[in-house]
Amino acid sequence: MLPAGAQLHTSARLLPCRRRPRLRLPERRSARDFSALVLDSKSGYDEDMFALHKGDCEHCLRTFRYTLLHAAFGDFSYAYCDRCGTLATFSYSNSFLVKVPPPSAPHQVIDPAWEPFLNQCACGGNFRSGAAPRCVFCSGALSADHAAAHIERNAIGAGRGWRWQRNWTDLYCIALEDPKDPGNLRQIEDPFLEQKRAEKPRKGLWSRIFSFG
């Protein structure tokens, strides 16, 4: 209790209250960092699709986190590893593309004719045109039809009529977060055989974005 008539001088005595630091999740950081790019894009790509979202495996019923990528927005073709489901993206800015057969259609899964030119995945599997992403816990091949429920639930564009393509070959592809390396995606860029001799294939762009390191 203060004596009668005494005044509390707050200007010099009181210190500002310190809030507990909050862990910033990757989806908040990535959405903020890339909002300007999304707004400038003419593709109709949703800002929300740069975020990590929750999906579920129809085999083991466990929840994983993933990001949905637009191949035309990123200007790449892609393929999945037939063993672990890692996403490989092949940028059209890579000079090595002049040595592979022209794609039958851009901005979708690779043609089978590209497969002999590709390095193996780190797990020992191969990047195949007919492969699917796999659960990061049980390694079961994920169903594009089953994935429609969580992909459309998490996509802002679904409220404006956008619908998931229900296959692993067209414009959109997904990369899953590696549970053994939180904040990083199971994605790699340009794993060409000939390029391997010159440099080690890099983690995917989104893996570098979401990385905490």
Protein backbone atom coordinates (compact mmCIF):
# COMPACT_ATOMS: atom_id res chain seq x y z
CA MET A 1 0.00 0.00 0.00
CA LEU A 2 1.20 3.53 -0.82
CA PRO A 3 1.11 6.19 1.93
CA ALA A 4 -1.76 8.62 1.61
CA GLY A 5 -1.00 11.33 -0.92
CA ALA A 6 1.92 9.43 -2.45
CA GLN A 7 2.07 9.18 -6.26
CA LEU A 8 3.43 6.36 -8.38
CA HIS A 9 5.93 7.66 -10.97
CA THR A 10 5.45 5.21 -13.82
CA SER A 11 7.65 7.01 -16.32
CA ALA A 12 10.90 5.83 -14.70
CA ARG A 13 9.87 2.87 -12.57
CA LEU A 14 7.81 0.52 -14.71
CA LEU A 15 9.52 -1.71 -17.25
CA PRO A 16 7.76 -2.89 -20.38
CA CYS A 17 6.21 -6.34 -20.10
CA ARG A 18 8.10 -8.92 -22.13
CA ARG A 19 5.98 -11.31 -24.08
CA ARG A 20 7.01 -14.91 -24.40
CA PRO A 21 8.71 -15.45 -27.76
CA ARG A 22 6.47 -17.39 -30.13
CA LEU A 23 7.74 -20.10 -32.45
CA ARG A 24 7.14 -18.99 -36.00
CA LEU A 25 5.89 -21.84 -38.09
CA PRO A 26 7.27 -22.17 -41.62
CA GLU A 27 3.92 -21.54 -43.27
CA ARG A 28 3.63 -18.09 -41.76
CA ARG A 29 7.12 -17.14 -42.84
CA SER A 30 6.83 -18.48 -46.36
CA ALA A 31 3.44 -16.94 -47.05
CA ARG A 32 4.68 -13.53 -45.93
CA ASP A 33 7.94 -13.69 -47.84
CA PHE A 34 6.29 -14.63 -51.09
CA SER A 35 3.05 -12.65 -50.94
CA ALA A 36 4.44 -10.04 -53.34
CA LEU A 37 5.36 -12.70 -55.87
CA VAL A 38 1.92 -14.23 -55.69
CA LEU A 39 0.17 -10.90 -56.12
CA ASP A 40 2.31 -10.13 -59.17
CA SER A 41 1.65 -13.53 -60.73
CA LYS A 42 -0.79 -13.85 -63.62
CA SER A 43 -1.33 -17.54 -63.02
CA GLY A 44 -4.03 -17.23 -60.37
CA TYR A 45 -1.73 -19.03 -57.94
CA ASP A 46 -2.92 -18.77 -54.34
CA GLU A 47 -0.64 -17.28 -51.70
CA ASP A 48 -1.93 -20.02 -49.42
CA MET A 49 -0.33 -22.65 -51.64
CA PHE A 50 3.15 -21.54 -50.55
CA ALA A 51 2.32 -22.72 -47.04
CA LEU A 52 2.77 -26.08 -45.37
CA HIS A 53 -0.58 -27.79 -44.84
CA LYS A 54 -1.76 -30.94 -43.08
CA GLY A 55 -2.69 -34.02 -45.04
CA ASP A 56 -3.34 -37.62 -44.06
CA CYS A 57 -2.21 -41.01 -45.31
CA GLU A 58 -4.97 -43.44 -46.27
CA HIS A 59 -2.74 -46.39 -45.33
CA CYS A 60 -1.36 -45.63 -41.86
CA LEU A 61 -3.78 -42.77 -41.07
CA ARG A 62 -0.97 -40.56 -39.82
CA THR A 63 -0.84 -36.83 -40.50
CA PHE A 64 1.93 -35.29 -42.57
CA ARG A 65 2.66 -31.77 -43.80
CA TYR A 66 3.01 -30.83 -47.43
CA THR A 67 3.14 -27.94 -49.85
CA LEU A 68 1.39 -27.77 -53.21
CA LEU A 69 3.47 -26.51 -56.13
CA HIS A 70 2.35 -25.11 -59.49
CA ALA A 71 4.67 -26.31 -62.26
CA ALA A 72 3.89 -23.43 -64.62
CA PHE A 73 4.42 -20.84 -61.89
CA GLY A 74 7.77 -22.43 -61.04
CA ASP A 75 8.58 -23.16 -64.73
CA PHE A 76 9.55 -26.81 -64.27
CA SER A 77 8.64 -30.41 -65.03
CA TYR A 78 8.71 -32.95 -62.21
CA ALA A 79 8.82 -36.61 -61.17
CA TYR A 80 8.53 -38.60 -57.95
CA CYS A 81 10.91 -41.23 -56.62
CA ASP A 82 9.38 -44.70 -57.00
CA ARG A 83 10.72 -45.77 -53.59
CA CYS A 84 10.39 -42.86 -51.14
CA GLY A 85 8.21 -40.39 -53.06
CA THR A 86 10.70 -37.51 -53.03
CA LEU A 87 9.76 -34.81 -55.53
CA ALA A 88 12.33 -33.94 -58.21
CA THR A 89 11.84 -30.73 -60.18
CA PHE A 90 13.56 -29.95 -63.48
CA SER A 91 13.85 -26.25 -64.21
CA TYR A 92 13.50 -25.05 -67.79
CA SER A 93 16.32 -22.60 -67.11
CA ASN A 94 18.78 -25.51 -66.75
CA SER A 95 21.08 -25.67 -69.80
CA PHE A 96 21.21 -29.48 -69.58
CA LEU A 97 17.67 -29.70 -70.96
CA VAL A 98 18.99 -29.28 -74.50
CA LYS A 99 20.46 -32.80 -74.13
CA VAL A 100 17.18 -34.54 -73.30
CA PRO A 101 14.23 -35.19 -75.62
CA PRO A 102 11.77 -32.27 -75.84
CA PRO A 103 8.84 -32.77 -73.46
CA SER A 104 5.55 -33.80 -75.02
CA ALA A 105 3.90 -31.16 -72.82
CA PRO A 106 5.56 -28.61 -70.50
CA HIS A 107 4.87 -28.02 -66.81
CA GLN A 108 3.75 -31.49 -65.86
CA VAL A 109 5.29 -34.88 -65.04
CA ILE A 110 8.34 -35.82 -67.13
CA ASP A 111 8.16 -38.10 -70.17
CA PRO A 112 9.54 -41.66 -69.77
CA ALA A 113 12.22 -40.72 -72.32
CA TRP A 114 13.84 -38.50 -69.68
CA GLU A 115 14.35 -41.30 -67.16
CA PRO A 116 17.69 -42.64 -68.54
CA PHE A 117 19.17 -39.15 -68.09
CA LEU A 118 18.35 -38.95 -64.37
CA ASN A 119 20.41 -39.75 -61.31
CA GLN A 120 19.02 -42.06 -58.66
CA CYS A 121 17.34 -40.69 -55.56
CA ALA A 122 19.40 -40.65 -52.35
CA CYS A 123 17.28 -43.57 -51.09
CA GLY A 124 18.30 -45.74 -54.07
CA GLY A 125 15.01 -45.36 -55.90
CA ASN A 126 14.45 -43.85 -59.33
CA PHE A 127 12.54 -40.82 -60.51
CA ARG A 128 9.79 -42.16 -62.76
CA SER A 129 7.06 -40.58 -64.81
CA GLY A 130 4.53 -43.03 -63.36
CA ALA A 131 5.58 -42.76 -59.70
CA ALA A 132 3.51 -41.18 -56.93
CA PRO A 133 4.37 -39.27 -53.76
CA ARG A 134 4.62 -41.55 -50.73
CA CYS A 135 3.76 -41.26 -47.07
CA VAL A 136 6.81 -40.15 -45.09
CA PHE A 137 5.90 -42.60 -42.29
CA CYS A 138 4.77 -45.86 -43.92
CA SER A 139 6.04 -45.29 -47.50
CA GLY A 140 2.65 -46.19 -48.96
CA ALA A 141 1.88 -44.62 -52.34
CA LEU A 142 -0.57 -41.78 -51.79
CA SER A 143 -3.83 -41.69 -53.73
CA ALA A 144 -4.50 -38.50 -55.70
CA ASP A 145 -8.23 -39.08 -55.20
CA HIS A 146 -7.90 -39.44 -51.44
CA ALA A 147 -5.68 -36.34 -51.35
CA ALA A 148 -8.47 -34.25 -52.90
CA ALA A 149 -10.19 -33.87 -49.51
CA HIS A 150 -7.30 -32.19 -47.71
CA ILE A 151 -5.89 -30.38 -50.74
CA GLU A 152 -9.21 -28.70 -51.54
CA ARG A 153 -9.89 -28.03 -47.86
CA ASN A 154 -6.57 -26.20 -47.53
CA ALA A 155 -6.65 -24.31 -50.84
CA ILE A 156 -8.11 -20.80 -50.78
CA GLY A 157 -8.96 -21.15 -54.46
CA ALA A 158 -11.40 -23.99 -53.72
CA GLY A 159 -13.84 -21.37 -52.44
CA ARG A 160 -13.71 -19.74 -55.87
CA GLY A 161 -14.32 -22.96 -57.77
CA TRP A 162 -10.78 -24.35 -58.02
CA ARG A 163 -10.61 -28.16 -57.88
CA TRP A 164 -7.71 -30.53 -57.39
CA GLN A 165 -6.66 -32.37 -60.57
CA ARG A 166 -6.92 -35.82 -58.90
CA ASN A 167 -3.73 -37.19 -60.45
CA TRP A 168 0.04 -36.96 -59.97
CA THR A 169 0.87 -36.03 -63.56
CA ASP A 170 -0.67 -32.66 -64.42
CA LEU A 171 0.04 -29.05 -63.47
CA TYR A 172 0.24 -29.42 -59.68
CA CYS A 173 2.63 -31.54 -57.63
CA ILE A 174 3.29 -31.88 -53.92
CA ALA A 175 6.35 -32.12 -51.70
CA LEU A 176 6.08 -33.54 -48.19
CA GLU A 177 7.93 -32.31 -45.13
CA ASP A 178 10.64 -34.67 -43.94
CA PRO A 179 9.72 -35.72 -40.36
CA LYS A 180 13.40 -36.48 -39.68
CA ASP A 181 14.36 -32.95 -40.73
CA PRO A 182 11.49 -30.62 -39.74
CA GLY A 183 11.20 -27.52 -41.86
CA ASN A 184 12.68 -29.23 -44.92
CA LEU A 185 10.80 -30.81 -47.79
CA ARG A 186 11.54 -34.06 -49.54
CA GLN A 187 12.37 -32.29 -52.77
CA ILE A 188 15.45 -32.02 -54.99
CA GLU A 189 16.30 -29.90 -58.02
CA ASP A 190 17.67 -31.08 -61.38
CA PRO A 191 19.09 -34.52 -60.48
CA PHE A 192 20.57 -35.16 -63.94
CA LEU A 193 23.23 -37.88 -64.29
CA GLU A 194 25.71 -35.71 -66.19
CA GLN A 195 25.23 -32.79 -63.83
CA LYS A 196 26.09 -35.00 -60.86
CA ARG A 197 29.71 -35.14 -62.00
CA ALA A 198 29.97 -31.36 -61.80
CA GLU A 199 27.96 -30.60 -58.69
CA LYS A 200 25.77 -32.21 -56.10
CA PRO A 201 22.03 -31.78 -56.83
CA ARG A 202 20.54 -29.13 -54.58
CA LYS A 203 17.61 -29.39 -52.25
CA GLY A 204 14.47 -27.99 -53.75
CA LEU A 205 13.76 -24.27 -53.55
CA TRP A 206 10.97 -24.74 -51.04
CA SER A 207 13.22 -26.89 -48.85
CA ARG A 208 15.64 -23.97 -48.67
CA ILE A 209 12.80 -21.55 -47.95
CA PHE A 210 11.27 -23.64 -45.17
CA SER A 211 14.58 -24.68 -43.65
CA PHE A 212 15.17 -23.47 -40.08
CA GLY A 213 18.93 -23.66 -40.61
